[in-house]
C-alpha atoms as a PDB file:
ATOM      1  CA  MET A   1     104.462 111.292  98.977  1.00  0.00           C
ATOM      2  CA  TYR A   2     106.444 109.007  96.691  1.00  0.00           C
ATOM      3  CA  ALA A   3     107.121 111.745  94.100  1.00  0.00           C
ATOM      4  CA  SER A   4     108.132 114.421  96.620  1.00  0.00           C
ATOM      5  CA  SER A   5     110.410 112.078  98.518  1.00  0.00           C
ATOM      6  CA  ALA A   6     111.917 110.726  95.283  1.00  0.00           C
ATOM      7  CA  LYS A   7     112.643 114.239  94.041  1.00  0.00           C
ATOM      8  CA  LEU A   8     114.593 115.030  97.222  1.00  0.00           C
ATOM      9  CA  THR A   9     116.354 111.657  97.156  1.00  0.00           C
ATOM     10  CA  ALA A  10     117.326 112.132  93.481  1.00  0.00           C
ATOM     11  CA  TYR A  11     118.769 115.563  94.289  1.00  0.00           C
ATOM     12  CA  LEU A  12     120.789 114.218  97.217  1.00  0.00           C
ATOM     13  CA  ALA A  13     121.962 111.182  95.231  1.00  0.00           C
ATOM     14  CA  ASP A  14     123.186 113.468  92.431  1.00  0.00           C
ATOM     15  CA  LYS A  15     124.836 115.879  94.868  1.00  0.00           C
ATOM     16  CA  TYR A  16     126.672 113.181  96.828  1.00  0.00           C
ATOM     17  CA  GLY A  17     127.286 110.619  94.074  1.00  0.00           C
ATOM     18  CA  ILE A  18     124.991 107.951  95.536  1.00  0.00           C
ATOM     19  CA  ALA A  19     123.782 105.205  93.201  1.00  0.00           C
ATOM     20  CA  LYS A  20     120.056 105.530  92.538  1.00  0.00           C
ATOM     21  CA  GLU A  21     119.089 102.009  93.568  1.00  0.00           C
ATOM     22  CA  HIS A  22     117.740 100.207  96.600  1.00  0.00           C
ATOM     23  CA  GLY A  23     120.762  99.255  98.645  1.00  0.00           C
ATOM     24  CA  PRO A  24     122.579 102.559  98.698  1.00  0.00           C
ATOM     25  CA  ILE A  25     119.120 104.122  99.222  1.00  0.00           C
ATOM     26  CA  ILE A  26     117.405 102.588 102.247  1.00  0.00           C
ATOM     27  CA  GLY A  27     114.612 103.277 104.708  1.00  0.00           C
ATOM     28  CA  HIS A  28     115.056 104.047 108.391  1.00  0.00           C
ATOM     29  CA  GLY A  29     114.161 100.477 109.277  1.00  0.00           C
ATOM     30  CA  GLU A  30     117.153  99.235 107.250  1.00  0.00           C
ATOM     31  CA  ALA A  31     119.705 101.711 108.613  1.00  0.00           C
ATOM     32  CA  PRO A  32     122.219 100.733 111.290  1.00  0.00           C
ATOM     33  CA  ASP A  33     121.372 102.045 114.762  1.00  0.00           C
ATOM     34  CA  CYS A  34     117.735 102.722 113.781  1.00  0.00           C
ATOM     35  CA  SER A  35     116.259  99.552 115.193  1.00  0.00           C
ATOM     36  CA  ASP A  36     113.376 101.472 116.766  1.00  0.00           C
ATOM     37  CA  HIS A  37     112.244 102.775 113.348  1.00  0.00           C
ATOM     38  CA  THR A  38     110.147 100.731 110.947  1.00  0.00           C
ATOM     39  CA  ASP A  39     109.469 103.285 108.227  1.00  0.00           C
ATOM     40  CA  PRO A  40     108.787 103.239 105.405  1.00  0.00           C
ATOM     41  CA  GLY A  41     107.292  99.859 106.333  1.00  0.00           C
ATOM     42  CA  PRO A  42     106.432  96.631 104.517  1.00  0.00           C
ATOM     43  CA  GLY A  43     103.896  98.302 102.195  1.00  0.00           C
ATOM     44  CA  TRP A  44     106.489 100.595 100.623  1.00  0.00           C
ATOM     45  CA  ASN A  45     106.842  99.912  96.908  1.00  0.00           C
ATOM     46  CA  TRP A  46     110.612 100.073  96.492  1.00  0.00           C
ATOM     47  CA  ALA A  47     110.577  99.291  92.753  1.00  0.00           C
ATOM     48  CA  HIS A  48     108.214 102.195  92.084  1.00  0.00           C
ATOM     49  CA  TYR A  49     110.114 104.515  94.408  1.00  0.00           C
ATOM     50  CA  ILE A  50     113.509 103.795  92.841  1.00  0.00           C
ATOM     51  CA  GLU A  51     111.982 104.292  89.384  1.00  0.00           C
ATOM     52  CA  LEU A  52     110.842 107.731  90.542  1.00  0.00           C
ATOM     53  CA  VAL A  53     114.261 108.502  92.017  1.00  0.00           C
ATOM     54  CA  GLN A  54     115.932 107.530  88.739  1.00  0.00           C
ATOM     55  CA  SER A  55     113.620 109.857  86.806  1.00  0.00           C
ATOM     56  CA  GLY A  56     114.150 112.762  89.215  1.00  0.00           C
ATOM     57  CA  GLY A  57     110.775 112.355  90.872  1.00  0.00           C
ATOM     58  CA  ALA A  58     108.622 112.270  87.744  1.00  0.00           C
ATOM     59  CA  SER A  59     106.483 109.247  86.927  1.00  0.00           C
ATOM     60  CA  GLN A  60     107.380 107.473  83.731  1.00  0.00           C
ATOM     61  CA  LEU A  61     104.469 106.354  81.568  1.00  0.00           C
ATOM     62  CA  LEU A  62     104.888 103.971  78.680  1.00  0.00           C
ATOM     63  CA  ALA A  63     102.637 104.040  75.641  1.00  0.00           C
ATOM     64  CA  GLY A  64     101.265 100.668  76.707  1.00  0.00           C
ATOM     65  CA  ASP A  65     100.206 102.183  80.039  1.00  0.00           C
ATOM     66  CA  LEU A  66      97.607 104.427  78.407  1.00  0.00           C
ATOM     67  CA  ALA A  67      94.410 103.754  76.504  1.00  0.00           C
ATOM     68  CA  VAL A  68      92.570 106.544  74.723  1.00  0.00           C
ATOM     69  CA  ASP A  69      89.149 106.048  73.156  1.00  0.00           C
ATOM     70  CA  THR A  70      88.964 108.386  70.156  1.00  0.00           C
ATOM     71  CA  PRO A  71      86.654 108.642  67.145  1.00  0.00           C
ATOM     72  CA  ALA A  72      87.919 107.319  63.798  1.00  0.00           C
ATOM     73  CA  THR A  73      87.481 110.752  62.201  1.00  0.00           C
ATOM     74  CA  ILE A  74      87.209 114.270  63.505  1.00  0.00           C
ATOM     75  CA  HIS A  75      85.368 117.066  61.658  1.00  0.00           C
ATOM     76  CA  SER A  76      85.702 120.754  62.305  1.00  0.00           C
ATOM     77  CA  ALA A  77      82.570 122.803  62.848  1.00  0.00           C
ATOM     78  CA  SER A  78      83.047 124.547  59.475  1.00  0.00           C
ATOM     79  CA  SER A  79      83.557 121.453  57.296  1.00  0.00           C
ATOM     80  CA  PRO A  80      80.642 119.426  55.890  1.00  0.00           C
ATOM     81  CA  GLN A  81      80.189 115.981  57.372  1.00  0.00           C
END
């Protein structure tokens, strides 16, 4: 849900020149005249969402975010071990 919404929001922000940050981008519960709406709600991760909006809807992974357990050496099937 975050990625799909962020992709649409990024497109609209680019099209209409809206800054890709929380403030210009708000939820229904923060909009004027929407006092009966509470979405996206208190559990919405705005920092993550805005990061997705800024990247066009794609998650950004840093090298420190990943851990890969690999052998020290790799041998092909045709080479002697």
